[in-house]
PDB file of N, CA and C in Angstrom:
ATOM      1  N   UNK A   1       1.804  14.216   9.172  1.00  0.00           N
ATOM      2  CA  UNK A   1       2.839  13.282   8.760  1.00  0.00           C
ATOM      3  C   UNK A   1       2.857  13.225   7.233  1.00  0.00           C
ATOM      4  N   UNK A   2       4.035  13.242   6.678  1.00  0.00           N
ATOM      5  CA  UNK A   2       4.171  13.164   5.231  1.00  0.00           C
ATOM      6  C   UNK A   2       3.799  11.781   4.741  1.00  0.00           C
ATOM      7  N   UNK A   3       3.357  11.739   3.494  1.00  0.00           N
ATOM      8  CA  UNK A   3       3.085  10.457   2.875  1.00  0.00           C
ATOM      9  C   UNK A   3       3.580  10.494   1.437  1.00  0.00           C
ATOM     10  N   UNK A   4       4.002   9.357   0.950  1.00  0.00           N
ATOM     11  CA  UNK A   4       4.425   9.199  -0.427  1.00  0.00           C
ATOM     12  C   UNK A   4       3.209   8.756  -1.218  1.00  0.00           C
ATOM     13  N   UNK A   5       3.031   9.298  -2.420  1.00  0.00           N
ATOM     14  CA  UNK A   5       1.900   8.912  -3.255  1.00  0.00           C
ATOM     15  C   UNK A   5       2.403   8.069  -4.414  1.00  0.00           C
ATOM     16  N   UNK A   6       1.749   6.935  -4.635  1.00  0.00           N
ATOM     17  CA  UNK A   6       2.058   6.041  -5.740  1.00  0.00           C
ATOM     18  C   UNK A   6       0.819   5.946  -6.614  1.00  0.00           C
ATOM     19  N   UNK A   7       0.918   6.429  -7.850  1.00  0.00           N
ATOM     20  CA  UNK A   7      -0.202   6.423  -8.790  1.00  0.00           C
ATOM     21  C   UNK A   7      -0.058   5.218  -9.711  1.00  0.00           C
ATOM     22  N   UNK A   8      -0.925   4.219  -9.516  1.00  0.00           N
ATOM     23  CA  UNK A   8      -0.909   3.029 -10.367  1.00  0.00           C
ATOM     24  C   UNK A   8      -2.238   2.892 -11.107  1.00  0.00           C
ATOM     25  N   UNK A   9      -2.896   4.029 -11.341  1.00  0.00           N
ATOM     26  CA  UNK A   9      -4.167   4.007 -12.071  1.00  0.00           C
ATOM     27  C   UNK A   9      -3.921   3.459 -13.471  1.00  0.00           C
ATOM     28  N   UNK A  10      -4.840   2.607 -13.918  1.00  0.00           N
ATOM     29  CA  UNK A  10      -4.735   2.020 -15.242  1.00  0.00           C
ATOM     30  C   UNK A  10      -4.007   0.689 -15.261  1.00  0.00           C
ATOM     31  N   UNK A  11      -3.316   0.348 -14.180  1.00  0.00           N
ATOM     32  CA  UNK A  11      -2.609  -0.935 -14.111  1.00  0.00           C
ATOM     33  C   UNK A  11      -3.541  -2.001 -13.532  1.00  0.00           C
ATOM     34  N   UNK A  12      -3.380  -3.223 -14.011  1.00  0.00           N
ATOM     35  CA  UNK A  12      -4.217  -4.336 -13.560  1.00  0.00           C
ATOM     36  C   UNK A  12      -3.449  -5.234 -12.605  1.00  0.00           C
ATOM     37  N   UNK A  13      -4.209  -5.993 -11.839  1.00  0.00           N
ATOM     38  CA  UNK A  13      -3.677  -6.969 -10.898  1.00  0.00           C
ATOM     39  C   UNK A  13      -2.665  -7.849 -11.605  1.00  0.00           C
ATOM     40  N   UNK A  14      -1.523  -8.138 -11.028  1.00  0.00           N
ATOM     41  CA  UNK A  14      -1.066  -7.820  -9.677  1.00  0.00           C
ATOM     42  C   UNK A  14      -0.165  -6.587  -9.608  1.00  0.00           C
ATOM     43  N   UNK A  15      -0.061  -5.823 -10.695  1.00  0.00           N
ATOM     44  CA  UNK A  15       0.901  -4.712 -10.730  1.00  0.00           C
ATOM     45  C   UNK A  15       0.728  -3.672  -9.625  1.00  0.00           C
ATOM     46  N   UNK A  16      -0.499  -3.241  -9.271  1.00  0.00           N
ATOM     47  CA  UNK A  16      -0.593  -2.249  -8.189  1.00  0.00           C
ATOM     48  C   UNK A  16       0.067  -2.705  -6.888  1.00  0.00           C
ATOM     49  N   UNK A  17      -0.162  -3.955  -6.494  1.00  0.00           N
ATOM     50  CA  UNK A  17       0.431  -4.463  -5.253  1.00  0.00           C
ATOM     51  C   UNK A  17       1.943  -4.619  -5.393  1.00  0.00           C
ATOM     52  N   UNK A  18       2.388  -5.092  -6.543  1.00  0.00           N
ATOM     53  CA  UNK A  18       3.834  -5.262  -6.743  1.00  0.00           C
ATOM     54  C   UNK A  18       4.556  -3.916  -6.694  1.00  0.00           C
ATOM     55  N   UNK A  19       3.988  -2.906  -7.322  1.00  0.00           N
ATOM     56  CA  UNK A  19       4.606  -1.571  -7.296  1.00  0.00           C
ATOM     57  C   UNK A  19       4.575  -0.989  -5.886  1.00  0.00           C
ATOM     58  N   UNK A  20       3.477  -1.222  -5.163  1.00  0.00           N
ATOM     59  CA  UNK A  20       3.377  -0.726  -3.787  1.00  0.00           C
ATOM     60  C   UNK A  20       4.414  -1.413  -2.902  1.00  0.00           C
ATOM     61  N   UNK A  21       4.599  -2.704  -3.082  1.00  0.00           N
ATOM     62  CA  UNK A  21       5.575  -3.441  -2.290  1.00  0.00           C
ATOM     63  C   UNK A  21       6.976  -2.862  -2.519  1.00  0.00           C
ATOM     64  N   UNK A  22       7.308  -2.580  -3.763  1.00  0.00           N
ATOM     65  CA  UNK A  22       8.609  -1.998  -4.081  1.00  0.00           C
ATOM     66  C   UNK A  22       8.751  -0.613  -3.434  1.00  0.00           C
ATOM     67  N   UNK A  23       7.700   0.182  -3.507  1.00  0.00           N
ATOM     68  CA  UNK A  23       7.746   1.525  -2.914  1.00  0.00           C
ATOM     69  C   UNK A  23       7.892   1.457  -1.400  1.00  0.00           C
ATOM     70  N   UNK A  24       7.189   0.525  -0.760  1.00  0.00           N
ATOM     71  CA  UNK A  24       7.263   0.391   0.697  1.00  0.00           C
ATOM     72  C   UNK A  24       8.665   0.013   1.152  1.00  0.00           C
ATOM     73  N   UNK A  25       9.367  -0.784   0.351  1.00  0.00           N
ATOM     74  CA  UNK A  25      10.726  -1.172   0.713  1.00  0.00           C
ATOM     75  C   UNK A  25      11.653   0.034   0.801  1.00  0.00           C
ATOM     76  N   UNK A  26      11.331   1.084   0.061  1.00  0.00           N
ATOM     77  CA  UNK A  26      12.152   2.290   0.074  1.00  0.00           C
ATOM     78  C   UNK A  26      11.802   3.270   1.174  1.00  0.00           C
ATOM     79  N   UNK A  27      10.775   2.960   1.955  1.00  0.00           N
ATOM     80  CA  UNK A  27      10.353   3.851   3.031  1.00  0.00           C
ATOM     81  C   UNK A  27      10.898   3.376   4.370  1.00  0.00           C
ATOM     82  N   UNK A  28      11.022   4.305   5.293  1.00  0.00           N
ATOM     83  CA  UNK A  28      11.428   3.960   6.651  1.00  0.00           C
ATOM     84  C   UNK A  28      10.229   3.361   7.396  1.00  0.00           C
ATOM     85  N   UNK A  29      10.484   2.519   8.407  1.00  0.00           N
ATOM     86  CA  UNK A  29       9.385   1.978   9.199  1.00  0.00           C
ATOM     87  C   UNK A  29       8.495   3.092   9.745  1.00  0.00           C
ATOM     88  N   UNK A  30       7.182   2.897   9.632  1.00  0.00           N
ATOM     89  CA  UNK A  30       6.222   3.872  10.128  1.00  0.00           C
ATOM     90  C   UNK A  30       5.816   4.915   9.095  1.00  0.00           C
ATOM     91  N   UNK A  31       6.557   5.051   7.991  1.00  0.00           N
ATOM     92  CA  UNK A  31       6.178   6.007   6.963  1.00  0.00           C
ATOM     93  C   UNK A  31       4.947   5.506   6.215  1.00  0.00           C
ATOM     94  N   UNK A  32       4.265   6.457   5.569  1.00  0.00           N
ATOM     95  CA  UNK A  32       2.993   6.129   4.926  1.00  0.00           C
ATOM     96  C   UNK A  32       3.094   6.213   3.408  1.00  0.00           C
ATOM     97  N   UNK A  33       2.355   5.315   2.768  1.00  0.00           N
ATOM     98  CA  UNK A  33       2.261   5.280   1.313  1.00  0.00           C
ATOM     99  C   UNK A  33       0.795   5.339   0.935  1.00  0.00           C
ATOM    100  N   UNK A  34       0.440   6.304   0.084  1.00  0.00           N
ATOM    101  CA  UNK A  34      -0.928   6.363  -0.452  1.00  0.00           C
ATOM    102  C   UNK A  34      -0.873   5.830  -1.873  1.00  0.00           C
ATOM    103  N   UNK A  35      -1.682   4.807  -2.143  1.00  0.00           N
ATOM    104  CA  UNK A  35      -1.725   4.188  -3.464  1.00  0.00           C
ATOM    105  C   UNK A  35      -3.044   4.557  -4.125  1.00  0.00           C
ATOM    106  N   UNK A  36      -2.968   5.050  -5.354  1.00  0.00           N
ATOM    107  CA  UNK A  36      -4.149   5.384  -6.145  1.00  0.00           C
ATOM    108  C   UNK A  36      -4.258   4.368  -7.267  1.00  0.00           C
ATOM    109  N   UNK A  37      -5.378   3.640  -7.311  1.00  0.00           N
ATOM    110  CA  UNK A  37      -5.552   2.567  -8.289  1.00  0.00           C
ATOM    111  C   UNK A  37      -6.960   2.609  -8.867  1.00  0.00           C
ATOM    112  N   UNK A  38      -7.122   2.016 -10.050  1.00  0.00           N
ATOM    113  CA  UNK A  38      -8.440   1.940 -10.674  1.00  0.00           C
ATOM    114  C   UNK A  38      -8.929   0.506 -10.832  1.00  0.00           C
ATOM    115  N   UNK A  39      -8.086  -0.463 -10.552  1.00  0.00           N
ATOM    116  CA  UNK A  39      -8.453  -1.877 -10.681  1.00  0.00           C
ATOM    117  C   UNK A  39      -9.267  -2.312  -9.470  1.00  0.00           C
ATOM    118  N   UNK A  40     -10.509  -2.775  -9.712  1.00  0.00           N
ATOM    119  CA  UNK A  40     -11.371  -3.203  -8.597  1.00  0.00           C
ATOM    120  C   UNK A  40     -10.744  -4.329  -7.782  1.00  0.00           C
ATOM    121  N   UNK A  41      -9.954  -5.174  -8.421  1.00  0.00           N
ATOM    122  CA  UNK A  41      -9.320  -6.287  -7.707  1.00  0.00           C
ATOM    123  C   UNK A  41      -8.333  -5.782  -6.658  1.00  0.00           C
ATOM    124  N   UNK A  42      -7.892  -4.532  -6.780  1.00  0.00           N
ATOM    125  CA  UNK A  42      -6.920  -3.983  -5.831  1.00  0.00           C
ATOM    126  C   UNK A  42      -7.476  -3.947  -4.408  1.00  0.00           C
ATOM    127  N   UNK A  43      -8.780  -3.832  -4.262  1.00  0.00           N
ATOM    128  CA  UNK A  43      -9.377  -3.764  -2.920  1.00  0.00           C
ATOM    129  C   UNK A  43      -9.019  -5.026  -2.133  1.00  0.00           C
ATOM    130  N   UNK A  44      -9.346  -6.181  -2.675  1.00  0.00           N
ATOM    131  CA  UNK A  44      -9.039  -7.441  -1.994  1.00  0.00           C
ATOM    132  C   UNK A  44      -7.530  -7.682  -1.958  1.00  0.00           C
ATOM    133  N   UNK A  45      -6.847  -7.287  -3.039  1.00  0.00           N
ATOM    134  CA  UNK A  45      -5.397  -7.502  -3.101  1.00  0.00           C
ATOM    135  C   UNK A  45      -4.674  -6.770  -1.981  1.00  0.00           C
ATOM    136  N   UNK A  46      -5.011  -5.497  -1.746  1.00  0.00           N
ATOM    137  CA  UNK A  46      -4.313  -4.732  -0.719  1.00  0.00           C
ATOM    138  C   UNK A  46      -4.682  -5.195   0.685  1.00  0.00           C
ATOM    139  N   UNK A  47      -5.930  -5.639   0.873  1.00  0.00           N
ATOM    140  CA  UNK A  47      -6.306  -6.178   2.179  1.00  0.00           C
ATOM    141  C   UNK A  47      -5.468  -7.427   2.484  1.00  0.00           C
ATOM    142  N   UNK A  48      -5.349  -8.320   1.516  1.00  0.00           N
ATOM    143  CA  UNK A  48      -4.563  -9.540   1.700  1.00  0.00           C
ATOM    144  C   UNK A  48      -3.085  -9.216   1.856  1.00  0.00           C
ATOM    145  N   UNK A  49      -2.581  -8.319   1.015  1.00  0.00           N
ATOM    146  CA  UNK A  49      -1.167  -7.938   1.057  1.00  0.00           C
ATOM    147  C   UNK A  49      -0.783  -7.416   2.439  1.00  0.00           C
ATOM    148  N   UNK A  50      -1.596  -6.527   2.990  1.00  0.00           N
ATOM    149  CA  UNK A  50      -1.273  -5.954   4.297  1.00  0.00           C
ATOM    150  C   UNK A  50      -1.372  -6.998   5.410  1.00  0.00           C
ATOM    151  N   UNK A  51      -2.367  -7.846   5.325  1.00  0.00           N
ATOM    152  CA  UNK A  51      -2.521  -8.903   6.336  1.00  0.00           C
ATOM    153  C   UNK A  51      -1.307  -9.833   6.309  1.00  0.00           C
ATOM    154  N   UNK A  52      -0.822 -10.176   5.125  1.00  0.00           N
ATOM    155  CA  UNK A  52       0.283 -11.126   4.999  1.00  0.00           C
ATOM    156  C   UNK A  52       1.650 -10.526   5.294  1.00  0.00           C
ATOM    157  N   UNK A  53       1.825  -9.229   5.051  1.00  0.00           N
ATOM    158  CA  UNK A  53       3.145  -8.617   5.198  1.00  0.00           C
ATOM    159  C   UNK A  53       3.329  -7.865   6.510  1.00  0.00           C
ATOM    160  N   UNK A  54       2.235  -7.576   7.207  1.00  0.00           N
ATOM    161  CA  UNK A  54       2.345  -6.846   8.464  1.00  0.00           C
ATOM    162  C   UNK A  54       2.268  -5.339   8.314  1.00  0.00           C
ATOM    163  N   UNK A  55       2.158  -4.846   7.080  1.00  0.00           N
ATOM    164  CA  UNK A  55       1.936  -3.413   6.889  1.00  0.00           C
ATOM    165  C   UNK A  55       0.500  -3.109   7.315  1.00  0.00           C
ATOM    166  N   UNK A  56       0.237  -1.873   7.731  1.00  0.00           N
ATOM    167  CA  UNK A  56      -1.095  -1.514   8.212  1.00  0.00           C
ATOM    168  C   UNK A  56      -1.875  -0.783   7.125  1.00  0.00           C
ATOM    169  N   UNK A  57      -3.049  -1.298   6.784  1.00  0.00           N
ATOM    170  CA  UNK A  57      -3.949  -0.602   5.874  1.00  0.00           C
ATOM    171  C   UNK A  57      -4.765   0.359   6.728  1.00  0.00           C
ATOM    172  N   UNK A  58      -4.352   1.629   6.737  1.00  0.00           N
ATOM    173  CA  UNK A  58      -4.952   2.620   7.629  1.00  0.00           C
ATOM    174  C   UNK A  58      -6.291   3.127   7.123  1.00  0.00           C
ATOM    175  N   UNK A  59      -6.431   3.259   5.808  1.00  0.00           N
ATOM    176  CA  UNK A  59      -7.658   3.812   5.251  1.00  0.00           C
ATOM    177  C   UNK A  59      -7.818   3.332   3.817  1.00  0.00           C
ATOM    178  N   UNK A  60      -9.069   3.276   3.398  1.00  0.00           N
ATOM    179  CA  UNK A  60      -9.404   2.891   2.035  1.00  0.00           C
ATOM    180  C   UNK A  60     -10.628   3.687   1.633  1.00  0.00           C
ATOM    181  N   UNK A  61     -10.613   4.227   0.429  1.00  0.00           N
ATOM    182  CA  UNK A  61     -11.790   4.944  -0.060  1.00  0.00           C
ATOM    183  C   UNK A  61     -11.871   4.800  -1.569  1.00  0.00           C
ATOM    184  N   UNK A  62     -13.040   5.149  -2.103  1.00  0.00           N
ATOM    185  CA  UNK A  62     -13.235   5.109  -3.544  1.00  0.00           C
ATOM    186  C   UNK A  62     -14.010   6.344  -3.950  1.00  0.00           C
ATOM    187  N   UNK A  63     -13.530   7.003  -4.984  1.00  0.00           N
ATOM    188  CA  UNK A  63     -14.210   8.194  -5.481  1.00  0.00           C
ATOM    189  C   UNK A  63     -14.053   8.238  -6.989  1.00  0.00           C
ATOM    190  N   UNK A  64     -15.178   8.260  -7.682  1.00  0.00           N
ATOM    191  CA  UNK A  64     -15.210   8.362  -9.144  1.00  0.00           C
ATOM    192  C   UNK A  64     -14.347   7.295  -9.813  1.00  0.00           C
ATOM    193  N   UNK A  65     -14.399   6.071  -9.272  1.00  0.00           N
ATOM    194  CA  UNK A  65     -13.677   4.966  -9.892  1.00  0.00           C
ATOM    195  C   UNK A  65     -12.208   4.856  -9.519  1.00  0.00           C
ATOM    196  N   UNK A  66     -11.725   5.754  -8.672  1.00  0.00           N
ATOM    197  CA  UNK A  66     -10.337   5.674  -8.207  1.00  0.00           C
ATOM    198  C   UNK A  66     -10.325   5.238  -6.752  1.00  0.00           C
ATOM    199  N   UNK A  67      -9.571   4.190  -6.492  1.00  0.00           N
ATOM    200  CA  UNK A  67      -9.435   3.658  -5.142  1.00  0.00           C
ATOM    201  C   UNK A  67      -8.184   4.255  -4.509  1.00  0.00           C
ATOM    202  N   UNK A  68      -8.296   4.638  -3.246  1.00  0.00           N
ATOM    203  CA  UNK A  68      -7.171   5.206  -2.508  1.00  0.00           C
ATOM    204  C   UNK A  68      -6.923   4.335  -1.277  1.00  0.00           C
ATOM    205  N   UNK A  69      -5.681   3.884  -1.154  1.00  0.00           N
ATOM    206  CA  UNK A  69      -5.286   3.043  -0.019  1.00  0.00           C
ATOM    207  C   UNK A  69      -4.169   3.754   0.727  1.00  0.00           C
ATOM    208  N   UNK A  70      -4.319   3.914   2.037  1.00  0.00           N
ATOM    209  CA  UNK A  70      -3.263   4.505   2.852  1.00  0.00           C
ATOM    210  C   UNK A  70      -2.647   3.382   3.684  1.00  0.00           C
ATOM    211  N   UNK A  71      -1.357   3.144   3.437  1.00  0.00           N
ATOM    212  CA  UNK A  71      -0.650   2.025   4.063  1.00  0.00           C
ATOM    213  C   UNK A  71       0.513   2.570   4.886  1.00  0.00           C
ATOM    214  N   UNK A  72       0.643   2.089   6.122  1.00  0.00           N
ATOM    215  CA  UNK A  72       1.786   2.441   6.959  1.00  0.00           C
ATOM    216  C   UNK A  72       2.772   1.278   6.932  1.00  0.00           C
ATOM    217  N   UNK A  73       4.029   1.594   6.613  1.00  0.00           N
ATOM    218  CA  UNK A  73       5.056   0.559   6.550  1.00  0.00           C
ATOM    219  C   UNK A  73       5.233  -0.047   7.935  1.00  0.00           C
ATOM    220  N   UNK A  74       5.360  -1.350   7.969  1.00  0.00           N
ATOM    221  CA  UNK A  74       5.491  -2.037   9.265  1.00  0.00           C
ATOM    222  C   UNK A  74       6.792  -1.649   9.942  1.00  0.00           C
ATOM    223  N   UNK A  75       6.778  -1.755  11.249  1.00  0.00           N
ATOM    224  CA  UNK A  75       8.001  -1.545  12.026  1.00  0.00           C
ATOM    225  C   UNK A  75       8.892  -2.764  11.819  1.00  0.00           C
ATOM    226  N   UNK A  76      10.167  -2.538  11.801  1.00  0.00           N
ATOM    227  CA  UNK A  76      11.092  -3.657  11.650  1.00  0.00           C
ATOM    228  C   UNK A  76      11.065  -4.501  12.916  1.00  0.00           C
ATOM    229  N   UNK A  77      11.306  -5.766  12.736  1.00  0.00           N
ATOM    230  CA  UNK A  77      11.372  -6.667  13.882  1.00  0.00           C
ATOM    231  C   UNK A  77      12.616  -6.336  14.696  1.00  0.00           C
ATOM    232  N   UNK A  78      12.467  -6.342  15.994  1.00  0.00           N
ATOM    233  CA  UNK A  78      13.620  -6.068  16.862  1.00  0.00           C
ATOM    234  C   UNK A  78      14.616  -7.225  16.748  1.00  0.00           C
ATOM    235  N   UNK A  79      15.840  -6.871  16.497  1.00  0.00           N
ATOM    236  CA  UNK A  79      16.866  -7.903  16.360  1.00  0.00           C
ATOM    237  C   UNK A  79      17.552  -8.187  17.683  1.00  0.00           C
ATOM    238  N   UNK A  80      18.135  -9.335  17.767  1.00  0.00           N
ATOM    239  CA  UNK A  80      18.896  -9.676  18.970  1.00  0.00           C
ATOM    240  C   UNK A  80      20.236  -8.976  18.908  1.00  0.00           C
ATOM    241  N   UNK A  81      20.583  -8.241  19.919  1.00  0.00           N
ATOM    242  CA  UNK A  81      21.903  -7.644  19.869  1.00  0.00           C
ATOM    243  C   UNK A  81      21.957  -6.469  20.675  1.00  0.00           C
TER     244      UNK A  81
END
């Protein structure tokens, strides 16, 4: 499955989450976004962001000071009609 990569290395809280939120809005439901960040606060920020918005935090890793978050855009709510 394809994924979009968002590089927010060097940006501080809350910018990584805000940029990710904007990027997710441009994706179709179920598509994946990989966010690369260097701000340690991003770990807790993305966990909270996904819990509150319904997006799925599929994976998280850290290598050489760069954090990688794989997020799946939530499915849209079924509408009446």
